[in-house]
Amino acid sequence: MRDEALARLEALGFSPADAAVLADHFVDAEEHGRIGHGLVRIDFLARRPDLDPSARPLRVIAEPGYERWNGNGAVGYLVLNTIVEAQLADPPATARLIVAGHTFPTGVLGYWARKLADEGLVAAVTATSNRRLAHPDGGEKLAGTNPLAIAIPSSDGRPVVADVSMGNFTYGDVLAGRAEENDLAPFGGDQAHKAFALAVGLQLLVDALTPDDGFGAVLLVANPLADPVPAFRELAVGVRVPGDR
């Protein structure tokens, strides 16, 4: 599977190193049942008229507690991978807010948050996409499905990773033939207004921090001051904890 993905990505013009980053993400999604974020995304990239496999993201501001990045035409997966690698190479002394404009598509946000948690960092990641969610009562589509991923490292080597889209399914499910786009709505049934509120809040948070930059992503990365996961796992014996594989 990975070799096929590498060949297809390199045929699109991606370097072997970038193709490997993308293939790893897509194969991981396939292996964990998220086929809408798996190999189907290669065809999604191939259809993008603005695809520039040689583009590289730029870090335009670097301060101790804040960074601003511009995707600069690079696909969002590679933007987030570059940002994650930069944080691991130079972790924050306490915490750091990272905002990234022109960053799309971003894939499974829990994948990127887990990479940070695997190296001992607390991470929260959100990102915007096309506006596909309307108010539960109907009307214009006002927000993207705007997932939120939170990853907490653990001394037992098993981070907790919560990754939730605000839609009843994702656009990836549409690409994979699992759903129709017209059926996409905030999750929650008669409580869908709660998911809608979160989607709007995340939409405006990212838009406020990445003005005039189209789709974007926001990450919070911090050093933990405690190790709560092992004790939580003791409480949750017999229950699948978010992020378990």
Protein backbone atom coordinates (compact mmCIF):
# COMPACT_ATOMS: atom_id res chain seq x y z
CA MET A 1 0.00 0.00 0.00
CA ARG A 2 2.73 2.46 0.96
CA ASP A 3 4.81 1.70 -2.14
CA GLU A 4 1.78 2.34 -4.35
CA ALA A 5 1.10 5.63 -2.56
CA LEU A 6 4.72 6.71 -2.92
CA ALA A 7 4.71 5.98 -6.64
CA ARG A 8 1.49 7.88 -7.22
CA LEU A 9 2.65 10.90 -5.20
CA GLU A 10 6.02 11.06 -6.90
CA ALA A 11 4.19 10.89 -10.24
CA LEU A 12 2.37 14.07 -9.18
CA GLY A 13 5.74 15.77 -8.76
CA PHE A 14 6.39 15.45 -5.02
CA SER A 15 9.95 14.82 -3.94
CA PRO A 16 10.67 11.38 -2.41
CA ALA A 17 10.87 12.97 1.06
CA ASP A 18 7.55 14.83 0.71
CA ALA A 19 5.91 11.81 -0.88
CA ALA A 20 6.99 9.76 2.15
CA VAL A 21 5.40 12.28 4.55
CA LEU A 22 2.13 12.19 2.62
CA ALA A 23 2.14 8.42 2.14
CA ASP A 24 2.73 7.82 5.85
CA HIS A 25 -0.27 10.01 6.70
CA PHE A 26 -2.57 8.38 4.15
CA VAL A 27 -1.55 4.83 5.03
CA ASP A 28 -1.98 5.53 8.76
CA ALA A 29 -5.49 6.79 8.04
CA GLU A 30 -6.29 3.66 6.01
CA GLU A 31 -4.97 1.35 8.71
CA HIS A 32 -7.12 2.99 11.37
CA GLY A 33 -10.37 3.02 9.43
CA ARG A 34 -10.33 6.64 8.27
CA ILE A 35 -10.40 5.85 4.58
CA GLY A 36 -11.81 9.28 3.78
CA HIS A 37 -8.39 10.62 4.79
CA GLY A 38 -6.50 7.74 3.20
CA LEU A 39 -5.41 6.92 -0.33
CA VAL A 40 -8.50 8.59 -1.80
CA ARG A 41 -6.82 11.87 -0.93
CA ILE A 42 -4.16 11.30 -3.60
CA ASP A 43 -6.84 11.67 -6.27
CA PHE A 44 -8.13 14.71 -4.35
CA LEU A 45 -4.68 16.32 -4.60
CA ALA A 46 -4.37 15.40 -8.26
CA ARG A 47 -7.56 17.32 -9.03
CA ARG A 48 -6.33 20.52 -7.40
CA PRO A 49 -5.63 23.09 -10.13
CA ASP A 50 -3.27 24.98 -7.80
CA LEU A 51 -1.19 21.95 -6.78
CA ASP A 52 2.49 22.93 -6.49
CA PRO A 53 4.52 19.95 -5.27
CA SER A 54 7.67 22.05 -4.99
CA ALA A 55 6.18 24.75 -2.72
CA ARG A 56 7.58 25.17 0.79
CA PRO A 57 5.95 26.80 3.83
CA LEU A 58 7.52 29.88 5.37
CA ARG A 59 7.89 30.78 9.05
CA VAL A 60 7.35 34.54 8.94
CA ILE A 61 7.36 35.28 12.69
CA ALA A 62 9.27 33.34 15.35
CA GLU A 63 8.99 34.55 18.94
CA PRO A 64 9.44 32.56 22.18
CA GLY A 65 5.69 32.02 22.66
CA TYR A 66 4.35 32.66 19.17
CA GLU A 67 4.99 31.64 15.58
CA ARG A 68 3.24 32.61 12.39
CA TRP A 69 3.56 30.49 9.25
CA ASN A 70 2.44 30.92 5.65
CA GLY A 71 1.72 27.77 3.70
CA ASN A 72 3.10 29.54 0.64
CA GLY A 73 1.38 27.17 -1.78
CA ALA A 74 2.45 23.94 -0.08
CA VAL A 75 -0.28 21.38 0.63
CA GLY A 76 -1.49 21.60 4.21
CA TYR A 77 -0.21 18.18 5.20
CA LEU A 78 3.34 19.30 4.46
CA VAL A 79 2.79 22.62 6.22
CA LEU A 80 1.70 20.88 9.42
CA ASN A 81 4.49 18.34 9.15
CA THR A 82 7.05 21.14 8.86
CA ILE A 83 5.50 22.96 11.83
CA VAL A 84 5.50 19.81 13.97
CA GLU A 85 9.12 19.07 13.11
CA ALA A 86 10.05 22.66 13.97
CA GLN A 87 8.40 22.38 17.40
CA LEU A 88 10.16 19.09 18.14
CA ALA A 89 13.50 20.56 17.08
CA ASP A 90 12.98 23.60 19.30
CA PRO A 91 10.30 22.90 21.95
CA PRO A 92 8.78 25.85 23.80
CA ALA A 93 10.18 26.69 27.24
CA THR A 94 6.60 26.65 28.53
CA ALA A 95 4.03 27.08 25.76
CA ARG A 96 3.78 28.36 22.21
CA LEU A 97 0.91 29.40 19.97
CA ILE A 98 1.42 28.65 16.27
CA VAL A 99 -0.86 30.02 13.56
CA ALA A 100 -0.65 28.99 9.92
CA GLY A 101 -2.37 30.68 7.01
CA HIS A 102 -2.85 29.25 3.53
CA THR A 103 -2.87 25.78 5.07
CA PHE A 104 -5.15 23.21 3.41
CA PRO A 105 -5.88 20.32 3.43
CA THR A 106 -4.65 19.28 6.86
CA GLY A 107 -5.85 15.68 7.10
CA VAL A 108 -6.33 13.83 10.39
CA LEU A 109 -5.42 16.43 13.01
CA GLY A 110 -4.96 13.77 15.66
CA TYR A 111 -2.11 12.38 13.58
CA TRP A 112 -0.14 15.61 13.99
CA ALA A 113 -1.11 16.08 17.64
CA ARG A 114 0.03 12.53 18.41
CA LYS A 115 3.46 13.23 16.91
CA LEU A 116 3.89 16.05 19.42
CA ALA A 117 2.56 14.01 22.34
CA ASP A 118 4.82 11.08 21.48
CA GLU A 119 7.72 13.43 22.18
CA GLY A 120 6.30 14.64 25.49
CA LEU A 121 4.39 17.77 24.45
CA VAL A 122 0.77 18.66 25.14
CA ALA A 123 -0.90 19.70 21.89
CA ALA A 124 -4.19 21.14 20.68
CA VAL A 125 -4.76 21.52 16.94
CA THR A 126 -7.66 22.89 14.92
CA ALA A 127 -8.07 23.86 11.28
CA THR A 128 -10.68 25.25 8.91
CA SER A 129 -11.94 24.06 5.56
CA ASN A 130 -14.79 24.80 3.17
CA ARG A 131 -17.98 26.00 4.82
CA ARG A 132 -20.17 22.89 4.87
CA LEU A 133 -22.17 23.22 8.11
CA ALA A 134 -25.37 25.21 8.34
CA HIS A 135 -27.27 26.02 11.52
CA PRO A 136 -29.34 23.00 12.65
CA ASP A 137 -32.46 25.00 11.77
CA GLY A 138 -31.19 25.43 8.18
CA GLY A 139 -29.96 28.34 6.10
CA GLU A 140 -26.60 29.14 4.57
CA LYS A 141 -23.53 27.02 5.29
CA LEU A 142 -21.58 29.07 7.82
CA ALA A 143 -18.66 26.98 9.08
CA GLY A 144 -16.38 24.14 8.14
CA THR A 145 -16.47 20.81 9.92
CA ASN A 146 -13.50 22.29 11.83
CA PRO A 147 -12.03 19.36 13.77
CA LEU A 148 -10.29 19.75 17.10
CA ALA A 149 -7.55 17.39 18.26
CA ILE A 150 -6.10 17.33 21.78
CA ALA A 151 -3.17 15.09 22.67
CA ILE A 152 -1.79 14.51 26.16
CA PRO A 153 1.55 12.69 26.56
CA SER A 154 2.02 9.91 29.08
CA SER A 155 4.95 8.33 30.87
CA ASP A 156 3.50 4.93 29.89
CA GLY A 157 4.10 5.76 26.22
CA ARG A 158 0.40 5.77 25.36
CA PRO A 159 -0.81 9.34 24.87
CA VAL A 160 -4.48 10.19 24.99
CA VAL A 161 -5.53 11.66 21.65
CA ALA A 162 -9.04 13.07 21.22
CA ASP A 163 -9.87 14.09 17.65
CA VAL A 164 -13.41 15.20 16.83
CA SER A 165 -14.92 16.77 13.73
CA MET A 166 -17.95 18.97 14.30
CA GLY A 167 -19.84 17.27 11.47
CA ASN A 168 -21.94 14.12 11.61
CA PHE A 169 -19.38 12.88 9.10
CA THR A 170 -16.43 14.42 7.27
CA TYR A 171 -15.99 15.51 3.68
CA GLY A 172 -13.56 12.62 3.46
CA ASP A 173 -16.56 10.33 3.88
CA VAL A 174 -18.04 11.98 0.80
CA LEU A 175 -14.84 11.41 -1.16
CA ALA A 176 -14.81 7.78 -0.02
CA GLY A 177 -18.44 7.27 -1.09
CA ARG A 178 -19.67 6.75 2.46
CA ALA A 179 -21.98 9.77 2.54
CA GLU A 180 -23.62 12.45 0.44
CA GLU A 181 -22.44 16.04 0.84
CA ASN A 182 -26.01 17.32 1.21
CA ASP A 183 -26.42 15.18 4.33
CA LEU A 184 -23.49 16.81 6.14
CA ALA A 185 -24.66 18.62 9.30
CA PRO A 186 -23.46 19.36 12.84
CA PHE A 187 -23.42 16.15 14.88
CA GLY A 188 -25.63 15.61 17.89
CA GLY A 189 -29.19 15.13 16.66
CA ASP A 190 -31.49 17.33 18.75
CA GLN A 191 -28.35 18.67 20.49
CA ALA A 192 -26.66 19.63 17.22
CA HIS A 193 -26.61 23.29 18.23
CA LYS A 194 -23.68 22.41 20.53
CA ALA A 195 -21.52 21.07 17.69
CA PHE A 196 -22.59 24.04 15.57
CA ALA A 197 -21.49 26.43 18.31
CA LEU A 198 -18.08 24.73 18.52
CA ALA A 199 -17.71 24.78 14.73
CA VAL A 200 -18.44 28.51 14.64
CA GLY A 201 -16.13 29.22 17.58
CA LEU A 202 -13.25 27.34 15.96
CA GLN A 203 -13.99 28.93 12.57
CA LEU A 204 -13.77 32.44 14.00
CA LEU A 205 -10.76 31.61 16.18
CA VAL A 206 -8.72 30.51 13.18
CA ASP A 207 -10.06 33.31 10.97
CA ALA A 208 -9.15 35.90 13.61
CA LEU A 209 -5.58 34.62 13.90
CA THR A 210 -4.98 34.07 10.17
CA PRO A 211 -6.66 37.13 8.61
CA ASP A 212 -7.04 37.20 4.82
CA ASP A 213 -5.16 33.92 4.57
CA GLY A 214 -7.95 31.61 3.46
CA PHE A 215 -8.00 28.27 5.24
CA GLY A 216 -5.74 28.02 8.24
CA ALA A 217 -4.65 26.05 11.28
CA VAL A 218 -3.92 26.92 14.89
CA LEU A 219 -1.77 24.86 17.25
CA LEU A 220 -1.07 25.22 20.95
CA VAL A 221 2.02 23.32 22.10
CA ALA A 222 3.10 23.18 25.74
CA ASN A 223 5.25 21.30 28.21
CA PRO A 224 3.10 19.34 30.68
CA LEU A 225 3.35 20.12 34.37
CA ALA A 226 1.83 16.78 35.40
CA ASP A 227 1.30 13.25 34.10
CA PRO A 228 -2.44 12.59 34.52
CA VAL A 229 -2.85 9.85 31.91
CA PRO A 230 -1.78 6.74 33.91
CA ALA A 231 -4.19 7.56 36.75
CA PHE A 232 -6.95 8.22 34.25
CA ARG A 233 -6.34 4.86 32.61
CA GLU A 234 -6.74 3.19 36.00
CA LEU A 235 -10.16 4.80 36.30
CA ALA A 236 -11.06 3.80 32.74
CA VAL A 237 -10.24 0.09 32.93
CA GLY A 238 -12.36 -1.77 30.39
CA VAL A 239 -13.15 1.39 28.43
CA ARG A 240 -11.50 2.41 25.19
CA VAL A 241 -9.66 5.66 25.84
CA PRO A 242 -9.55 8.18 22.97
CA GLY A 243 -6.53 7.56 20.79
CA ASP A 244 -6.01 3.94 21.77
CA ARG A 245 -4.89 1.74 18.91
